[in-house]
C-alpha cells in the first residue's frame, strides 16, 4: 500500500551525493512494507510481494578496502555480503529470490552453517556503502534449477573494515555497530512524537487517496525507542539514501529527531495538498 510522499530532512548525511531535498513525488511511507517479528514468532511469508531479484557484483565494492590493516580483534568477524539496491534494517523482513550461480553457492554454504549474511546498499551513484545490516535466513525454499526463495530477518548492523575475498562471492571483515547512550534525551517522548506524526501522515494520506479516515492503529507496538527508530526508517520506501543515513546513525535520539523532521515536512506537504483538494475537488 503506497502511502504519502516523504520529504526527507535536510540534515547532513554520511552518504556521498546525498541531496539536501529529494523530490517528494518519488518518495513513499509504507508502514506495511516490513513485518517485525519477535524471536519467538514464526516467519511471515508475504505472498503478494514480488521478491527482490539478486543482481549484484563484487567488483562494485570500493577497492580501498583491499588494503586495510589485516590485524584482527575479538570484535572483527568475517561475513559474506550481498550488495543490493535497498536498505535492510534490524528487525525488518526481506524476501529474496536467489538465482545467480555464485550466490547459489553462497546459499548452499549458509544453509549448512549459521544462516547469516550481510546486506549492503549499493547504487550506480553512491557505489556500495560500508555500513549494512545482517540478514538471517528464517525461511527458505529451494526452487527449480537450484534457485532459492528466502525470507530473511534483519539483525545486527555492521561496518566493513576489510575485504577477505571477492570470488566466488564477496566476503569481508566487519565490526558490529551499536547506538551510543543518548545522555539526557527522553527517548520515549521522542518515540511517541514520531509515532504521532506517523499516524497523522497516514490519516491524511488515506484522505487524499479516498480511503476512510479511520484512526491509525498503534504503530509502536511496545517497541523500545531504538528498535522503533529502525521500524520507522524501514517504512521510508523510495528514499534509500535517506534510509541509509538513518541506518548509519549511532544515536537513537538523533535518528528519531531526523525521522520526526522528515515526517513533519511530509505532514506539511500533505496538509497543503489536502487543502488544495478541498478547494478544487475536481482536480484530484
C-alpha atoms as a PDB file:
ATOM      1  CA  UNK A   1       0.000   0.000   0.000  1.00  0.00           C
ATOM      2  CA  UNK A   2       1.739   3.141  -1.198  1.00  0.00           C
ATOM      3  CA  UNK A   3       1.087   5.897   1.303  1.00  0.00           C
ATOM      4  CA  UNK A   4       2.283   9.500   1.376  1.00  0.00           C
ATOM      5  CA  UNK A   5       5.153  11.277  -0.252  1.00  0.00           C
ATOM      6  CA  UNK A   6       8.140  11.720   2.014  1.00  0.00           C
ATOM      7  CA  UNK A   7      10.234  14.857   2.187  1.00  0.00           C
ATOM      8  CA  UNK A   8      13.485  13.832   3.902  1.00  0.00           C
ATOM      9  CA  UNK A   9      15.101  16.100   6.426  1.00  0.00           C
ATOM     10  CA  UNK A  10      17.945  18.223   5.010  1.00  0.00           C
ATOM     11  CA  UNK A  11      20.166  17.043   7.869  1.00  0.00           C
ATOM     12  CA  UNK A  12      23.738  16.199   6.982  1.00  0.00           C
ATOM     13  CA  UNK A  13      24.460  12.630   5.958  1.00  0.00           C
ATOM     14  CA  UNK A  14      27.498  10.470   5.576  1.00  0.00           C
ATOM     15  CA  UNK A  15      26.186   9.246   2.220  1.00  0.00           C
ATOM     16  CA  UNK A  16      28.047  10.679  -0.740  1.00  0.00           C
ATOM     17  CA  UNK A  17      25.960  12.604  -3.264  1.00  0.00           C
ATOM     18  CA  UNK A  18      23.168  12.976  -0.685  1.00  0.00           C
ATOM     19  CA  UNK A  19      20.689  15.573  -1.941  1.00  0.00           C
ATOM     20  CA  UNK A  20      19.505  18.095   0.654  1.00  0.00           C
ATOM     21  CA  UNK A  21      15.919  17.833  -0.553  1.00  0.00           C
ATOM     22  CA  UNK A  22      14.545  14.916  -2.564  1.00  0.00           C
ATOM     23  CA  UNK A  23      11.614  15.047  -4.958  1.00  0.00           C
ATOM     24  CA  UNK A  24       8.569  14.228  -2.815  1.00  0.00           C
ATOM     25  CA  UNK A  25       6.749  12.656  -5.749  1.00  0.00           C
ATOM     26  CA  UNK A  26       9.178   9.733  -5.758  1.00  0.00           C
ATOM     27  CA  UNK A  27       9.124   9.025  -2.013  1.00  0.00           C
ATOM     28  CA  UNK A  28       6.652   6.968  -0.055  1.00  0.00           C
ATOM     29  CA  UNK A  29       5.935   5.946   3.515  1.00  0.00           C
ATOM     30  CA  UNK A  30       4.740   2.390   3.715  1.00  0.00           C
ATOM     31  CA  UNK A  31       4.279   1.058   7.263  1.00  0.00           C
ATOM     32  CA  UNK A  32       3.215  -2.346   5.930  1.00  0.00           C
ATOM     33  CA  UNK A  33       6.318  -2.844   3.810  1.00  0.00           C
ATOM     34  CA  UNK A  34       8.102  -4.783   6.520  1.00  0.00           C
ATOM     35  CA  UNK A  35       6.870  -7.041   9.285  1.00  0.00           C
ATOM     36  CA  UNK A  36       8.700  -7.114  12.602  1.00  0.00           C
ATOM     37  CA  UNK A  37       8.941 -10.454  14.328  1.00  0.00           C
ATOM     38  CA  UNK A  38       9.884 -11.312  17.894  1.00  0.00           C
ATOM     39  CA  UNK A  39      12.381 -14.119  18.351  1.00  0.00           C
ATOM     40  CA  UNK A  40       9.524 -16.434  19.223  1.00  0.00           C
ATOM     41  CA  UNK A  41       7.282 -15.512  16.291  1.00  0.00           C
ATOM     42  CA  UNK A  42       7.021 -17.759  13.223  1.00  0.00           C
ATOM     43  CA  UNK A  43       8.287 -16.291   9.969  1.00  0.00           C
ATOM     44  CA  UNK A  44       5.702 -14.480   7.860  1.00  0.00           C
ATOM     45  CA  UNK A  45       5.624 -15.018   4.103  1.00  0.00           C
ATOM     46  CA  UNK A  46       4.349 -12.088   2.040  1.00  0.00           C
ATOM     47  CA  UNK A  47       2.746 -13.849  -0.891  1.00  0.00           C
ATOM     48  CA  UNK A  48       1.606 -10.681  -2.636  1.00  0.00           C
ATOM     49  CA  UNK A  49       5.012  -9.027  -2.688  1.00  0.00           C
ATOM     50  CA  UNK A  50       7.366  -9.846  -5.541  1.00  0.00           C
ATOM     51  CA  UNK A  51      10.744 -10.848  -4.091  1.00  0.00           C
ATOM     52  CA  UNK A  52      13.795  -8.770  -4.895  1.00  0.00           C
ATOM     53  CA  UNK A  53      15.887 -10.494  -7.540  1.00  0.00           C
ATOM     54  CA  UNK A  54      19.531 -10.554  -6.558  1.00  0.00           C
ATOM     55  CA  UNK A  55      21.750  -8.873  -9.131  1.00  0.00           C
ATOM     56  CA  UNK A  56      25.000  -7.525  -7.753  1.00  0.00           C
ATOM     57  CA  UNK A  57      28.696  -7.509  -8.480  1.00  0.00           C
ATOM     58  CA  UNK A  58      31.545  -7.929  -6.023  1.00  0.00           C
ATOM     59  CA  UNK A  59      33.652  -5.712  -8.261  1.00  0.00           C
ATOM     60  CA  UNK A  60      31.392  -2.768  -7.364  1.00  0.00           C
ATOM     61  CA  UNK A  61      32.766  -2.755  -3.834  1.00  0.00           C
ATOM     62  CA  UNK A  62      35.309   0.021  -3.128  1.00  0.00           C
ATOM     63  CA  UNK A  63      38.839  -1.157  -3.847  1.00  0.00           C
ATOM     64  CA  UNK A  64      40.231   0.813  -0.912  1.00  0.00           C
ATOM     65  CA  UNK A  65      39.094  -1.969   1.398  1.00  0.00           C
ATOM     66  CA  UNK A  66      41.603  -4.371  -0.080  1.00  0.00           C
ATOM     67  CA  UNK A  67      44.457  -2.561   1.650  1.00  0.00           C
ATOM     68  CA  UNK A  68      43.183  -2.241   5.178  1.00  0.00           C
ATOM     69  CA  UNK A  69      45.064  -3.407   8.254  1.00  0.00           C
ATOM     70  CA  UNK A  70      44.856  -7.219   8.333  1.00  0.00           C
ATOM     71  CA  UNK A  71      45.102  -7.413  12.132  1.00  0.00           C
ATOM     72  CA  UNK A  72      42.040  -8.883  13.837  1.00  0.00           C
ATOM     73  CA  UNK A  73      40.407  -8.453  17.217  1.00  0.00           C
ATOM     74  CA  UNK A  74      37.635 -10.274  19.030  1.00  0.00           C
ATOM     75  CA  UNK A  75      35.206  -7.731  17.562  1.00  0.00           C
ATOM     76  CA  UNK A  76      36.105  -8.475  13.939  1.00  0.00           C
ATOM     77  CA  UNK A  77      34.328 -11.302  12.124  1.00  0.00           C
ATOM     78  CA  UNK A  78      34.105 -12.483   8.534  1.00  0.00           C
ATOM     79  CA  UNK A  79      30.773 -12.172   6.775  1.00  0.00           C
ATOM     80  CA  UNK A  80      29.566 -12.979   3.227  1.00  0.00           C
ATOM     81  CA  UNK A  81      27.967  -9.895   1.671  1.00  0.00           C
ATOM     82  CA  UNK A  82      25.101  -9.064  -0.713  1.00  0.00           C
ATOM     83  CA  UNK A  83      25.220  -5.573  -2.276  1.00  0.00           C
ATOM     84  CA  UNK A  84      21.591  -4.705  -3.094  1.00  0.00           C
ATOM     85  CA  UNK A  85      19.666  -1.589  -4.182  1.00  0.00           C
ATOM     86  CA  UNK A  86      17.812  -1.467  -0.856  1.00  0.00           C
ATOM     87  CA  UNK A  87      18.450  -0.874   2.838  1.00  0.00           C
ATOM     88  CA  UNK A  88      17.750  -3.586   5.409  1.00  0.00           C
ATOM     89  CA  UNK A  89      17.054  -2.523   8.997  1.00  0.00           C
ATOM     90  CA  UNK A  90      17.331  -4.574  12.199  1.00  0.00           C
ATOM     91  CA  UNK A  91      14.034  -6.360  12.791  1.00  0.00           C
ATOM     92  CA  UNK A  92      12.753  -5.936   9.233  1.00  0.00           C
ATOM     93  CA  UNK A  93      11.712  -8.804   6.972  1.00  0.00           C
ATOM     94  CA  UNK A  94      13.206  -9.103   3.481  1.00  0.00           C
ATOM     95  CA  UNK A  95      12.160 -11.643   0.806  1.00  0.00           C
ATOM     96  CA  UNK A  96      14.811 -12.550  -1.777  1.00  0.00           C
ATOM     97  CA  UNK A  97      14.996 -14.827  -4.795  1.00  0.00           C
ATOM     98  CA  UNK A  98      18.495 -16.165  -5.492  1.00  0.00           C
ATOM     99  CA  UNK A  99      19.369 -17.424  -8.967  1.00  0.00           C
ATOM    100  CA  UNK A 100      22.932 -16.289  -9.823  1.00  0.00           C
ATOM    101  CA  UNK A 101      25.365 -19.199  -9.671  1.00  0.00           C
ATOM    102  CA  UNK A 102      27.806 -17.609  -7.188  1.00  0.00           C
ATOM    103  CA  UNK A 103      25.009 -16.745  -4.789  1.00  0.00           C
ATOM    104  CA  UNK A 104      23.507 -20.197  -5.089  1.00  0.00           C
ATOM    105  CA  UNK A 105      26.922 -21.413  -3.929  1.00  0.00           C
ATOM    106  CA  UNK A 106      26.684 -18.981  -1.017  1.00  0.00           C
ATOM    107  CA  UNK A 107      23.237 -20.277  -0.092  1.00  0.00           C
ATOM    108  CA  UNK A 108      24.427 -23.879  -0.003  1.00  0.00           C
ATOM    109  CA  UNK A 109      27.172 -22.805   2.401  1.00  0.00           C
ATOM    110  CA  UNK A 110      24.918 -20.660   4.582  1.00  0.00           C
ATOM    111  CA  UNK A 111      22.242 -23.321   4.914  1.00  0.00           C
ATOM    112  CA  UNK A 112      24.884 -25.634   6.385  1.00  0.00           C
ATOM    113  CA  UNK A 113      26.330 -23.032   8.764  1.00  0.00           C
ATOM    114  CA  UNK A 114      24.823 -20.028  10.591  1.00  0.00           C
ATOM    115  CA  UNK A 115      22.296 -18.747   8.003  1.00  0.00           C
ATOM    116  CA  UNK A 116      23.623 -15.176   8.230  1.00  0.00           C
ATOM    117  CA  UNK A 117      24.944 -12.773   5.600  1.00  0.00           C
ATOM    118  CA  UNK A 118      25.399  -9.012   5.267  1.00  0.00           C
ATOM    119  CA  UNK A 119      23.197  -6.736   3.157  1.00  0.00           C
ATOM    120  CA  UNK A 120      24.832  -3.539   1.872  1.00  0.00           C
ATOM    121  CA  UNK A 121      23.047  -0.776  -0.015  1.00  0.00           C
ATOM    122  CA  UNK A 122      24.511  -0.178  -3.475  1.00  0.00           C
ATOM    123  CA  UNK A 123      23.560   2.095  -6.356  1.00  0.00           C
ATOM    124  CA  UNK A 124      25.155   3.456  -9.516  1.00  0.00           C
ATOM    125  CA  UNK A 125      25.794   6.888  -7.972  1.00  0.00           C
ATOM    126  CA  UNK A 126      26.997   6.162  -4.450  1.00  0.00           C
ATOM    127  CA  UNK A 127      28.558   2.768  -5.107  1.00  0.00           C
ATOM    128  CA  UNK A 128      28.472   0.229  -2.298  1.00  0.00           C
ATOM    129  CA  UNK A 129      28.202   1.520   1.254  1.00  0.00           C
ATOM    130  CA  UNK A 130      30.379   0.412   4.173  1.00  0.00           C
ATOM    131  CA  UNK A 131      27.580   0.097   6.742  1.00  0.00           C
ATOM    132  CA  UNK A 132      24.954  -2.600   6.411  1.00  0.00           C
ATOM    133  CA  UNK A 133      22.732  -4.992   8.306  1.00  0.00           C
ATOM    134  CA  UNK A 134      22.959  -8.741   8.848  1.00  0.00           C
ATOM    135  CA  UNK A 135      20.166 -10.751   7.279  1.00  0.00           C
ATOM    136  CA  UNK A 136      19.338 -14.074   8.936  1.00  0.00           C
ATOM    137  CA  UNK A 137      17.501 -16.687   6.900  1.00  0.00           C
ATOM    138  CA  UNK A 138      14.324 -17.586   8.800  1.00  0.00           C
ATOM    139  CA  UNK A 139      12.599 -19.451   5.965  1.00  0.00           C
ATOM    140  CA  UNK A 140      13.836 -20.840   2.687  1.00  0.00           C
ATOM    141  CA  UNK A 141      12.528 -22.825  -0.249  1.00  0.00           C
ATOM    142  CA  UNK A 142      14.659 -24.491  -2.878  1.00  0.00           C
ATOM    143  CA  UNK A 143      13.097 -23.923  -6.290  1.00  0.00           C
ATOM    144  CA  UNK A 144      13.652 -25.499  -9.696  1.00  0.00           C
ATOM    145  CA  UNK A 145      17.080 -25.120 -11.303  1.00  0.00           C
ATOM    146  CA  UNK A 146      18.625 -24.814  -7.829  1.00  0.00           C
ATOM    147  CA  UNK A 147      17.190 -21.356  -7.252  1.00  0.00           C
ATOM    148  CA  UNK A 148      16.263 -20.266  -3.726  1.00  0.00           C
ATOM    149  CA  UNK A 149      13.449 -18.192  -2.281  1.00  0.00           C
ATOM    150  CA  UNK A 150      14.378 -16.740   1.110  1.00  0.00           C
ATOM    151  CA  UNK A 151      12.683 -14.870   3.924  1.00  0.00           C
ATOM    152  CA  UNK A 152      15.338 -13.003   5.906  1.00  0.00           C
ATOM    153  CA  UNK A 153      15.153 -11.001   9.115  1.00  0.00           C
ATOM    154  CA  UNK A 154      17.424  -8.022   9.794  1.00  0.00           C
ATOM    155  CA  UNK A 155      19.733  -8.444  12.770  1.00  0.00           C
ATOM    156  CA  UNK A 156      22.866  -6.520  13.832  1.00  0.00           C
ATOM    157  CA  UNK A 157      24.336  -3.563  11.955  1.00  0.00           C
ATOM    158  CA  UNK A 158      27.960  -3.737  10.865  1.00  0.00           C
ATOM    159  CA  UNK A 159      30.741  -1.738   9.242  1.00  0.00           C
ATOM    160  CA  UNK A 160      33.090  -3.267   6.656  1.00  0.00           C
ATOM    161  CA  UNK A 161      36.744  -2.990   7.710  1.00  0.00           C
ATOM    162  CA  UNK A 162      38.425  -5.097   5.026  1.00  0.00           C
ATOM    163  CA  UNK A 163      37.772  -7.424   2.109  1.00  0.00           C
ATOM    164  CA  UNK A 164      38.777 -11.075   2.564  1.00  0.00           C
ATOM    165  CA  UNK A 165      37.922 -12.214  -0.970  1.00  0.00           C
ATOM    166  CA  UNK A 166      35.693 -11.299  -3.889  1.00  0.00           C
ATOM    167  CA  UNK A 167      35.232 -14.723  -5.549  1.00  0.00           C
ATOM    168  CA  UNK A 168      33.066 -16.685  -5.913  1.00  0.00           C
ATOM    169  CA  UNK A 169      31.213 -14.096  -3.768  1.00  0.00           C
ATOM    170  CA  UNK A 170      32.201 -11.182  -1.593  1.00  0.00           C
ATOM    171  CA  UNK A 171      33.431 -11.922   1.938  1.00  0.00           C
ATOM    172  CA  UNK A 172      34.599  -9.129   4.235  1.00  0.00           C
ATOM    173  CA  UNK A 173      35.790  -8.459   7.756  1.00  0.00           C
ATOM    174  CA  UNK A 174      33.211  -6.465   9.711  1.00  0.00           C
ATOM    175  CA  UNK A 175      32.792  -4.897  13.123  1.00  0.00           C
ATOM    176  CA  UNK A 176      29.438  -4.523  14.856  1.00  0.00           C
ATOM    177  CA  UNK A 177      27.677  -1.185  15.356  1.00  0.00           C
ATOM    178  CA  UNK A 178      25.522  -0.249  18.334  1.00  0.00           C
ATOM    179  CA  UNK A 179      23.830   3.003  19.273  1.00  0.00           C
ATOM    180  CA  UNK A 180      25.650   5.085  21.870  1.00  0.00           C
ATOM    181  CA  UNK A 181      23.842   6.184  25.057  1.00  0.00           C
ATOM    182  CA  UNK A 182      21.695   9.223  24.312  1.00  0.00           C
ATOM    183  CA  UNK A 183      22.523  11.093  27.527  1.00  0.00           C
ATOM    184  CA  UNK A 184      19.680  13.123  28.983  1.00  0.00           C
ATOM    185  CA  UNK A 185      17.383  12.702  25.990  1.00  0.00           C
ATOM    186  CA  UNK A 186      13.885  11.417  26.742  1.00  0.00           C
ATOM    187  CA  UNK A 187      13.799   8.683  24.122  1.00  0.00           C
ATOM    188  CA  UNK A 188      10.295   7.510  24.972  1.00  0.00           C
ATOM    189  CA  UNK A 189       8.919  11.014  24.497  1.00  0.00           C
ATOM    190  CA  UNK A 190      10.738  11.314  21.160  1.00  0.00           C
ATOM    191  CA  UNK A 191       9.421   7.940  20.000  1.00  0.00           C
ATOM    192  CA  UNK A 192       5.874   8.935  20.967  1.00  0.00           C
ATOM    193  CA  UNK A 193       6.207  12.172  18.961  1.00  0.00           C
ATOM    194  CA  UNK A 194       7.400  10.240  15.919  1.00  0.00           C
ATOM    195  CA  UNK A 195       4.509   7.788  16.254  1.00  0.00           C
ATOM    196  CA  UNK A 196       2.055  10.691  16.462  1.00  0.00           C
ATOM    197  CA  UNK A 197       3.447  12.232  13.267  1.00  0.00           C
ATOM    198  CA  UNK A 198       3.258   8.864  11.507  1.00  0.00           C
ATOM    199  CA  UNK A 199      -0.409   8.487  12.443  1.00  0.00           C
ATOM    200  CA  UNK A 200      -1.207  11.976  11.132  1.00  0.00           C
ATOM    201  CA  UNK A 201       0.674  11.277   7.906  1.00  0.00           C
ATOM    202  CA  UNK A 202      -1.203   8.006   7.387  1.00  0.00           C
ATOM    203  CA  UNK A 203      -4.552   9.667   8.162  1.00  0.00           C
ATOM    204  CA  UNK A 204      -4.017  12.497   5.672  1.00  0.00           C
ATOM    205  CA  UNK A 205      -2.654  10.127   3.068  1.00  0.00           C
ATOM    206  CA  UNK A 206      -5.754   7.955   3.363  1.00  0.00           C
ATOM    207  CA  UNK A 207      -7.905  11.047   2.911  1.00  0.00           C
ATOM    208  CA  UNK A 208      -6.032  12.131  -0.215  1.00  0.00           C
ATOM    209  CA  UNK A 209      -6.327   8.621  -1.648  1.00  0.00           C
ATOM    210  CA  UNK A 210     -10.056   8.451  -0.995  1.00  0.00           C
ATOM    211  CA  UNK A 211      -9.773   5.908   1.794  1.00  0.00           C
ATOM    212  CA  UNK A 212     -11.669   6.026   5.109  1.00  0.00           C
ATOM    213  CA  UNK A 213     -10.029   8.351   7.643  1.00  0.00           C
ATOM    214  CA  UNK A 214     -10.091   5.791  10.419  1.00  0.00           C
ATOM    215  CA  UNK A 215      -7.777   6.125  13.371  1.00  0.00           C
ATOM    216  CA  UNK A 216      -4.337   4.629  12.697  1.00  0.00           C
ATOM    217  CA  UNK A 217      -3.575   1.538  14.713  1.00  0.00           C
ATOM    218  CA  UNK A 218      -0.801   1.529  17.278  1.00  0.00           C
ATOM    219  CA  UNK A 219       2.430   1.735  15.308  1.00  0.00           C
ATOM    220  CA  UNK A 220       4.962   1.437  18.088  1.00  0.00           C
ATOM    221  CA  UNK A 221       3.571  -1.859  19.401  1.00  0.00           C
ATOM    222  CA  UNK A 222       5.512  -1.615  22.699  1.00  0.00           C
ATOM    223  CA  UNK A 223       8.845  -1.423  20.885  1.00  0.00           C
ATOM    224  CA  UNK A 224      11.668   0.253  22.768  1.00  0.00           C
ATOM    225  CA  UNK A 225      12.874   3.532  21.183  1.00  0.00           C
ATOM    226  CA  UNK A 226      15.855   2.040  19.323  1.00  0.00           C
ATOM    227  CA  UNK A 227      14.017  -0.791  17.518  1.00  0.00           C
ATOM    228  CA  UNK A 228      11.115   1.599  16.906  1.00  0.00           C
ATOM    229  CA  UNK A 229      13.503   4.052  15.216  1.00  0.00           C
ATOM    230  CA  UNK A 230      14.618   1.211  12.915  1.00  0.00           C
ATOM    231  CA  UNK A 231      10.997   0.336  12.163  1.00  0.00           C
ATOM    232  CA  UNK A 232      10.249   3.942  11.192  1.00  0.00           C
ATOM    233  CA  UNK A 233      13.295   4.036   8.920  1.00  0.00           C
ATOM    234  CA  UNK A 234      12.209   0.824   7.220  1.00  0.00           C
ATOM    235  CA  UNK A 235       8.890   2.415   6.210  1.00  0.00           C
ATOM    236  CA  UNK A 236      10.586   5.193   4.209  1.00  0.00           C
ATOM    237  CA  UNK A 237      10.281   3.357   0.913  1.00  0.00           C
ATOM    238  CA  UNK A 238      11.520   5.135  -2.180  1.00  0.00           C
ATOM    239  CA  UNK A 239      14.217   7.046  -0.273  1.00  0.00           C
ATOM    240  CA  UNK A 240      17.058   4.515   0.105  1.00  0.00           C
ATOM    241  CA  UNK A 241      19.771   7.130   0.665  1.00  0.00           C
ATOM    242  CA  UNK A 242      17.763   8.666   3.471  1.00  0.00           C
ATOM    243  CA  UNK A 243      17.261   5.172   4.866  1.00  0.00           C
ATOM    244  CA  UNK A 244      20.998   4.515   4.645  1.00  0.00           C
ATOM    245  CA  UNK A 245      21.719   7.743   6.518  1.00  0.00           C
ATOM    246  CA  UNK A 246      19.334   6.624   9.273  1.00  0.00           C
ATOM    247  CA  UNK A 247      20.916   3.169   9.398  1.00  0.00           C
ATOM    248  CA  UNK A 248      24.389   4.657   9.819  1.00  0.00           C
ATOM    249  CA  UNK A 249      23.477   6.912  12.734  1.00  0.00           C
ATOM    250  CA  UNK A 250      24.789   5.555  16.044  1.00  0.00           C
ATOM    251  CA  UNK A 251      22.495   7.614  18.251  1.00  0.00           C
ATOM    252  CA  UNK A 252      18.839   6.695  18.773  1.00  0.00           C
ATOM    253  CA  UNK A 253      17.850  10.259  19.667  1.00  0.00           C
ATOM    254  CA  UNK A 254      19.480  11.646  16.525  1.00  0.00           C
ATOM    255  CA  UNK A 255      17.718   9.024  14.390  1.00  0.00           C
ATOM    256  CA  UNK A 256      14.308   9.742  15.931  1.00  0.00           C
ATOM    257  CA  UNK A 257      14.808  13.511  15.549  1.00  0.00           C
ATOM    258  CA  UNK A 258      15.698  13.126  11.872  1.00  0.00           C
ATOM    259  CA  UNK A 259      12.683  10.896  11.305  1.00  0.00           C
ATOM    260  CA  UNK A 260      10.446  13.383  13.124  1.00  0.00           C
ATOM    261  CA  UNK A 261      11.667  16.192  10.876  1.00  0.00           C
ATOM    262  CA  UNK A 262      11.068  14.106   7.759  1.00  0.00           C
ATOM    263  CA  UNK A 263       7.562  13.202   8.903  1.00  0.00           C
ATOM    264  CA  UNK A 264       6.814  16.800   9.876  1.00  0.00           C
ATOM    265  CA  UNK A 265       7.872  18.013   6.414  1.00  0.00           C
ATOM    266  CA  UNK A 266       5.747  15.297   4.852  1.00  0.00           C
ATOM    267  CA  UNK A 267       2.760  16.224   7.018  1.00  0.00           C
ATOM    268  CA  UNK A 268       3.066  19.870   5.974  1.00  0.00           C
ATOM    269  CA  UNK A 269       3.129  18.810   2.318  1.00  0.00           C
ATOM    270  CA  UNK A 270       0.076  16.589   2.754  1.00  0.00           C
ATOM    271  CA  UNK A 271      -1.793  19.286   4.676  1.00  0.00           C
ATOM    272  CA  UNK A 272      -1.258  21.693   1.793  1.00  0.00           C
ATOM    273  CA  UNK A 273      -2.286  19.058  -0.743  1.00  0.00           C
ATOM    274  CA  UNK A 274      -5.412  18.300   1.288  1.00  0.00           C
ATOM    275  CA  UNK A 275      -6.332  21.995   1.390  1.00  0.00           C
ATOM    276  CA  UNK A 276      -5.979  22.231  -2.383  1.00  0.00           C
ATOM    277  CA  UNK A 277      -8.177  19.176  -2.787  1.00  0.00           C
ATOM    278  CA  UNK A 278     -10.867  20.771  -0.604  1.00  0.00           C
ATOM    279  CA  UNK A 279     -10.854  23.927  -2.724  1.00  0.00           C
ATOM    280  CA  UNK A 280     -10.585  22.169  -6.084  1.00  0.00           C
ATOM    281  CA  UNK A 281     -12.125  18.721  -5.539  1.00  0.00           C
ATOM    282  CA  UNK A 282     -12.460  18.032  -9.268  1.00  0.00           C
ATOM    283  CA  UNK A 283      -8.676  18.345  -9.761  1.00  0.00           C
ATOM    284  CA  UNK A 284      -7.880  15.366  -7.522  1.00  0.00           C
END
